[in-house]
Amino acid sequence: MCGQCGCETESQSAEKNVSTPRRVELRQNVLDKNDRLAEHNRALFRHLLVLNFLSSPGAGKTTLVKRLLRDRDLTTSVGPLHQYVDPLRAGVIVGDLASDRDAERLRQTGVPVVQINTGNLCHLEAEMVAKAAQQLDLASFDLLIIENVGNLVCPAAFDLGEDLRLVLMSVTEGEDKPLKYPTMFKSAHAVIISKIDLATMVGFNREAALHHLHLIAPQALIFELSAITGEGLASYYTYLSEHIFQCCDKGIITSS
């Protein structure tokens, strides 16, 4: 993976004659700078609900985000919220190493989308997000969605200034993702078990998956859903609506 965040293997470090202490120091410097910029982003985004979607490649981030953008009227599940945001006014920032294929898929919803190509970096950083946000009319949004690079390692360490960190694991990946990538799951506000319409077909062990999640990430809410069939979306949308409603309750979001 990328050397910038200190995630290269020991063998790669040896080839570069970089000692372990130096790698740790470099990584800490990078994270300190990123954390400062993330706080700047948080102030910039203070009137928005900002979601950071994370997963391994192929877990269904783009499909779920696209479904959310098509179903933007989340308001029916939370009282008088429709007086403020009906439907939600959203923008998207997409991170990929290369290409804009996911961004093009999301633009089909009519929502403004900015693509970030990271090159050899395996994660988004707060500075990248800040620059991308300059291309969006943030003042007109209620919701900003960040679709992070497909990776369950490095993105866990990088705060982007988001309100909610949503980690996806699909039934096609097996039940042990939380055990293999504990740092990512421990950082999640919510974990989404995606593609549940395929669970029986792939022999997904739901009980084992939930056990591992409760063990590794007891702080995270768990949603089981399918962005294709719509199963499980209602409770997930209620969760998002409640957070939007909290913004409204503070008087941050105003009617359009």
Protein backbone atom coordinates (compact mmCIF):
# COMPACT_ATOMS: atom_id res chain seq x y z
CA MET A 1 0.00 0.00 0.00
CA CYS A 2 1.11 3.59 0.24
CA GLY A 3 4.29 4.57 2.05
CA GLN A 4 2.95 7.99 2.96
CA CYS A 5 0.87 6.75 5.92
CA GLY A 6 3.41 4.19 7.09
CA CYS A 7 1.43 1.15 5.95
CA GLU A 8 4.16 -0.46 3.86
CA THR A 9 5.31 -3.91 4.92
CA GLU A 10 8.45 -4.58 6.94
CA SER A 11 10.09 -6.05 3.85
CA GLN A 12 9.40 -2.90 1.88
CA SER A 13 10.80 -0.81 4.71
CA ALA A 14 13.95 -2.89 4.79
CA GLU A 15 14.40 -2.46 1.04
CA LYS A 16 14.15 1.29 1.50
CA ASN A 17 16.50 1.22 4.51
CA VAL A 18 13.80 2.91 6.58
CA SER A 19 13.80 1.85 10.23
CA THR A 20 10.63 1.08 12.14
CA PRO A 21 11.02 4.11 14.46
CA ARG A 22 11.31 6.39 11.44
CA ARG A 23 8.13 4.91 9.94
CA VAL A 24 6.25 5.48 13.18
CA GLU A 25 7.49 9.07 13.39
CA LEU A 26 6.52 9.77 9.77
CA ARG A 27 3.06 8.30 10.28
CA GLN A 28 2.49 10.34 13.44
CA ASN A 29 3.47 13.56 11.70
CA VAL A 30 1.09 12.81 8.84
CA LEU A 31 -1.78 12.03 11.21
CA ASP A 32 -1.19 15.13 13.35
CA LYS A 33 -1.42 17.35 10.28
CA ASN A 34 -4.47 15.49 9.04
CA ASP A 35 -6.26 15.82 12.39
CA ARG A 36 -5.76 19.59 12.36
CA LEU A 37 -7.18 19.83 8.85
CA ALA A 38 -10.07 17.53 9.79
CA GLU A 39 -11.09 19.95 12.52
CA HIS A 40 -11.00 22.73 9.94
CA ASN A 41 -13.30 20.62 7.74
CA ARG A 42 -15.61 19.97 10.67
CA ALA A 43 -16.04 23.72 11.13
CA LEU A 44 -16.61 24.16 7.39
CA PHE A 45 -19.23 21.39 7.41
CA ARG A 46 -20.94 22.46 10.62
CA HIS A 47 -24.30 23.01 8.90
CA LEU A 48 -24.20 19.59 7.18
CA LEU A 49 -24.52 15.96 8.10
CA VAL A 50 -21.33 14.38 6.72
CA LEU A 51 -21.15 10.62 6.14
CA ASN A 52 -17.89 8.76 5.51
CA PHE A 53 -18.54 5.40 3.82
CA LEU A 54 -15.73 2.85 4.15
CA SER A 55 -15.31 -0.76 3.05
CA SER A 56 -13.12 -3.15 1.15
CA PRO A 57 -13.48 -3.06 -2.66
CA GLY A 58 -16.72 -4.55 -3.90
CA ALA A 59 -18.68 -4.41 -0.65
CA GLY A 60 -21.36 -2.23 -2.25
CA LYS A 61 -20.57 1.34 -1.19
CA THR A 62 -21.45 2.93 -4.51
CA THR A 63 -24.65 0.92 -4.93
CA LEU A 64 -25.81 1.87 -1.43
CA VAL A 65 -24.94 5.55 -1.90
CA LYS A 66 -26.74 5.58 -5.25
CA ARG A 67 -29.84 4.04 -3.64
CA LEU A 68 -29.70 6.63 -0.85
CA LEU A 69 -29.48 9.45 -3.39
CA ARG A 70 -32.46 8.09 -5.29
CA ASP A 71 -34.42 7.72 -2.04
CA ARG A 72 -33.51 11.13 -0.68
CA ASP A 73 -36.87 11.76 0.97
CA LEU A 74 -35.92 10.15 4.28
CA THR A 75 -38.18 12.48 6.18
CA THR A 76 -41.34 10.42 6.58
CA SER A 77 -39.79 8.42 9.42
CA VAL A 78 -39.07 11.40 11.67
CA GLY A 79 -41.92 13.71 12.59
CA PRO A 80 -41.89 17.22 11.11
CA LEU A 81 -38.49 16.96 9.44
CA HIS A 82 -40.11 17.30 6.01
CA GLN A 83 -40.69 20.95 6.82
CA TYR A 84 -36.95 21.46 6.55
CA VAL A 85 -35.51 19.04 4.04
CA ASP A 86 -37.84 17.38 1.54
CA PRO A 87 -36.03 15.84 -0.20
CA LEU A 88 -32.51 16.01 1.15
CA ARG A 89 -30.13 18.28 -0.73
CA ALA A 90 -26.94 16.28 -1.12
CA GLY A 91 -23.46 16.36 -2.59
CA VAL A 92 -20.89 13.59 -2.95
CA ILE A 93 -17.11 13.27 -2.88
CA VAL A 94 -15.76 9.98 -4.27
CA GLY A 95 -12.26 8.63 -3.69
CA ASP A 96 -10.58 6.06 -5.96
CA LEU A 97 -7.03 5.31 -6.93
CA ALA A 98 -7.93 5.82 -10.59
CA SER A 99 -10.89 6.42 -12.96
CA ASP A 100 -14.20 8.15 -12.29
CA ARG A 101 -16.50 5.20 -12.93
CA ASP A 102 -18.17 5.35 -9.50
CA ALA A 103 -18.58 9.11 -9.76
CA GLU A 104 -20.29 8.73 -13.14
CA ARG A 105 -22.69 6.16 -11.69
CA LEU A 106 -23.61 8.57 -8.89
CA ARG A 107 -24.03 11.53 -11.25
CA GLN A 108 -26.91 9.63 -12.84
CA THR A 109 -28.96 10.60 -9.77
CA GLY A 110 -28.61 14.29 -10.65
CA VAL A 111 -26.58 15.04 -7.52
CA PRO A 112 -23.32 17.05 -7.71
CA VAL A 113 -20.34 14.67 -7.47
CA VAL A 114 -16.62 15.45 -7.22
CA GLN A 115 -14.05 12.75 -7.99
CA ILE A 116 -10.73 12.46 -6.14
CA ASN A 117 -8.11 10.23 -7.74
CA THR A 118 -5.48 9.40 -5.13
CA GLY A 119 -2.94 7.74 -7.43
CA ASN A 120 -0.86 5.50 -5.18
CA LEU A 121 -2.52 6.58 -1.93
CA CYS A 122 -4.83 3.99 -0.38
CA HIS A 123 -7.01 6.45 1.53
CA LEU A 124 -8.55 9.91 1.47
CA GLU A 125 -7.12 12.66 3.64
CA ALA A 126 -8.74 15.73 5.15
CA GLU A 127 -6.84 18.08 2.84
CA MET A 128 -8.08 16.23 -0.26
CA VAL A 129 -11.64 16.44 0.97
CA ALA A 130 -11.30 20.17 1.70
CA LYS A 131 -10.06 20.86 -1.83
CA ALA A 132 -12.82 18.75 -3.37
CA ALA A 133 -15.43 20.51 -1.24
CA GLN A 134 -14.42 23.83 -2.82
CA GLN A 135 -16.01 22.54 -6.02
CA LEU A 136 -19.38 22.06 -4.31
CA ASP A 137 -21.98 24.58 -3.19
CA LEU A 138 -21.93 23.44 0.43
CA ALA A 139 -24.31 26.17 1.53
CA SER A 140 -27.10 24.55 -0.52
CA PHE A 141 -26.65 21.07 0.99
CA ASP A 142 -28.11 19.24 3.95
CA LEU A 143 -25.98 16.14 3.43
CA LEU A 144 -22.43 15.52 2.23
CA ILE A 145 -21.47 11.94 1.41
CA ILE A 146 -17.82 10.89 1.22
CA GLU A 147 -17.22 7.55 -0.45
CA ASN A 148 -13.73 6.60 0.66
CA VAL A 149 -11.18 4.49 -1.20
CA GLY A 150 -11.95 0.77 -1.02
CA ASN A 151 -9.62 -0.32 1.80
CA LEU A 152 -10.12 -1.50 5.38
CA VAL A 153 -6.64 -0.58 6.62
CA CYS A 154 -5.34 2.98 6.17
CA PRO A 155 -8.63 4.94 5.98
CA ALA A 156 -9.35 3.94 9.59
CA ALA A 157 -6.62 6.31 10.77
CA PHE A 158 -7.68 9.38 8.80
CA ASP A 159 -10.36 11.67 10.17
CA LEU A 160 -11.95 13.63 7.32
CA GLY A 161 -14.16 15.86 9.45
CA GLU A 162 -17.17 13.55 9.14
CA ASP A 163 -20.05 13.22 11.58
CA LEU A 164 -20.69 9.52 11.03
CA ARG A 165 -18.31 6.77 9.96
CA LEU A 166 -20.24 3.98 8.24
CA VAL A 167 -18.36 0.74 7.58
CA LEU A 168 -19.73 -1.83 5.15
CA MET A 169 -19.07 -5.56 5.13
CA SER A 170 -20.90 -7.64 2.55
CA VAL A 171 -22.19 -11.17 3.08
CA THR A 172 -20.02 -12.24 0.14
CA GLU A 173 -16.87 -11.39 2.13
CA GLY A 174 -17.56 -13.82 4.97
CA GLU A 175 -18.17 -13.34 8.67
CA ASP A 176 -14.66 -12.62 9.96
CA LYS A 177 -13.95 -9.16 8.55
CA PRO A 178 -14.14 -7.52 12.03
CA LEU A 179 -11.55 -9.98 13.35
CA LYS A 180 -9.18 -9.29 10.45
CA TYR A 181 -9.58 -5.49 10.45
CA PRO A 182 -10.41 -4.55 14.06
CA THR A 183 -9.13 -0.97 13.90
CA MET A 184 -11.57 -0.05 11.15
CA PHE A 185 -14.56 -1.63 12.86
CA LYS A 186 -13.65 -0.12 16.23
CA SER A 187 -13.80 3.32 14.60
CA ALA A 188 -17.30 2.83 13.15
CA HIS A 189 -20.41 4.60 14.33
CA ALA A 190 -22.44 2.04 12.40
CA VAL A 191 -21.68 -1.17 10.54
CA ILE A 192 -23.74 -2.09 7.49
CA ILE A 193 -23.96 -5.76 6.52
CA SER A 194 -24.69 -5.37 2.83
CA LYS A 195 -26.03 -7.63 0.07
CA ILE A 196 -28.18 -9.65 2.47
CA ASP A 197 -30.27 -10.78 -0.51
CA LEU A 198 -27.28 -13.04 -1.31
CA ALA A 199 -26.79 -14.38 2.23
CA THR A 200 -28.39 -17.78 1.70
CA MET A 201 -26.75 -18.26 -1.68
CA VAL A 202 -23.23 -17.71 -0.29
CA GLY A 203 -23.80 -19.54 2.99
CA PHE A 204 -23.36 -16.45 5.16
CA ASN A 205 -23.25 -17.25 8.89
CA ARG A 206 -25.24 -14.37 10.35
CA GLU A 207 -24.83 -15.43 13.98
CA ALA A 208 -21.05 -15.61 13.66
CA ALA A 209 -20.89 -12.22 11.95
CA LEU A 210 -22.98 -10.55 14.65
CA HIS A 211 -20.91 -12.23 17.37
CA HIS A 212 -17.69 -10.90 15.85
CA LEU A 213 -19.14 -7.41 15.48
CA HIS A 214 -20.39 -7.28 19.07
CA LEU A 215 -16.98 -8.50 20.21
CA ILE A 216 -14.86 -6.06 18.19
CA ALA A 217 -17.19 -3.09 17.74
CA PRO A 218 -19.73 -3.01 20.58
CA GLN A 219 -20.17 0.76 20.08
CA ALA A 220 -21.47 0.41 16.53
CA LEU A 221 -25.08 0.12 15.48
CA ILE A 222 -25.63 -2.72 13.01
CA PHE A 223 -27.83 -2.57 9.92
CA GLU A 224 -28.50 -5.55 7.68
CA LEU A 225 -29.75 -4.49 4.28
CA SER A 226 -29.84 -4.87 0.54
CA ALA A 227 -29.52 -1.79 -1.63
CA ILE A 228 -30.92 -3.83 -4.55
CA THR A 229 -34.12 -5.22 -3.00
CA GLY A 230 -34.59 -2.49 -0.38
CA GLU A 231 -34.74 -4.96 2.50
CA GLY A 232 -33.56 -3.35 5.75
CA LEU A 233 -33.37 0.18 4.34
CA ALA A 234 -36.19 1.55 6.48
CA SER A 235 -34.33 1.30 9.79
CA TYR A 236 -31.14 2.59 8.17
CA TYR A 237 -32.97 5.61 6.74
CA THR A 238 -34.57 6.27 10.14
CA TYR A 239 -31.09 6.34 11.65
CA LEU A 240 -29.90 8.90 9.08
CA SER A 241 -33.09 10.93 9.44
CA GLU A 242 -32.63 11.18 13.19
CA HIS A 243 -29.18 12.66 12.70
CA ILE A 244 -30.51 15.12 10.15
CA PHE A 245 -33.28 15.97 12.59
CA GLN A 246 -30.69 16.72 15.29
CA CYS A 247 -29.19 19.31 12.95
CA CYS A 248 -32.61 20.80 12.39
CA ASP A 249 -33.29 20.88 16.11
CA LYS A 250 -30.16 22.97 16.56
CA GLY A 251 -31.41 25.37 13.91
CA ILE A 252 -28.48 24.53 11.64
CA ILE A 253 -30.55 23.46 8.64
CA THR A 254 -33.07 26.00 7.40
CA SER A 255 -35.94 25.50 5.01
CA SER A 256 -35.24 26.08 1.36
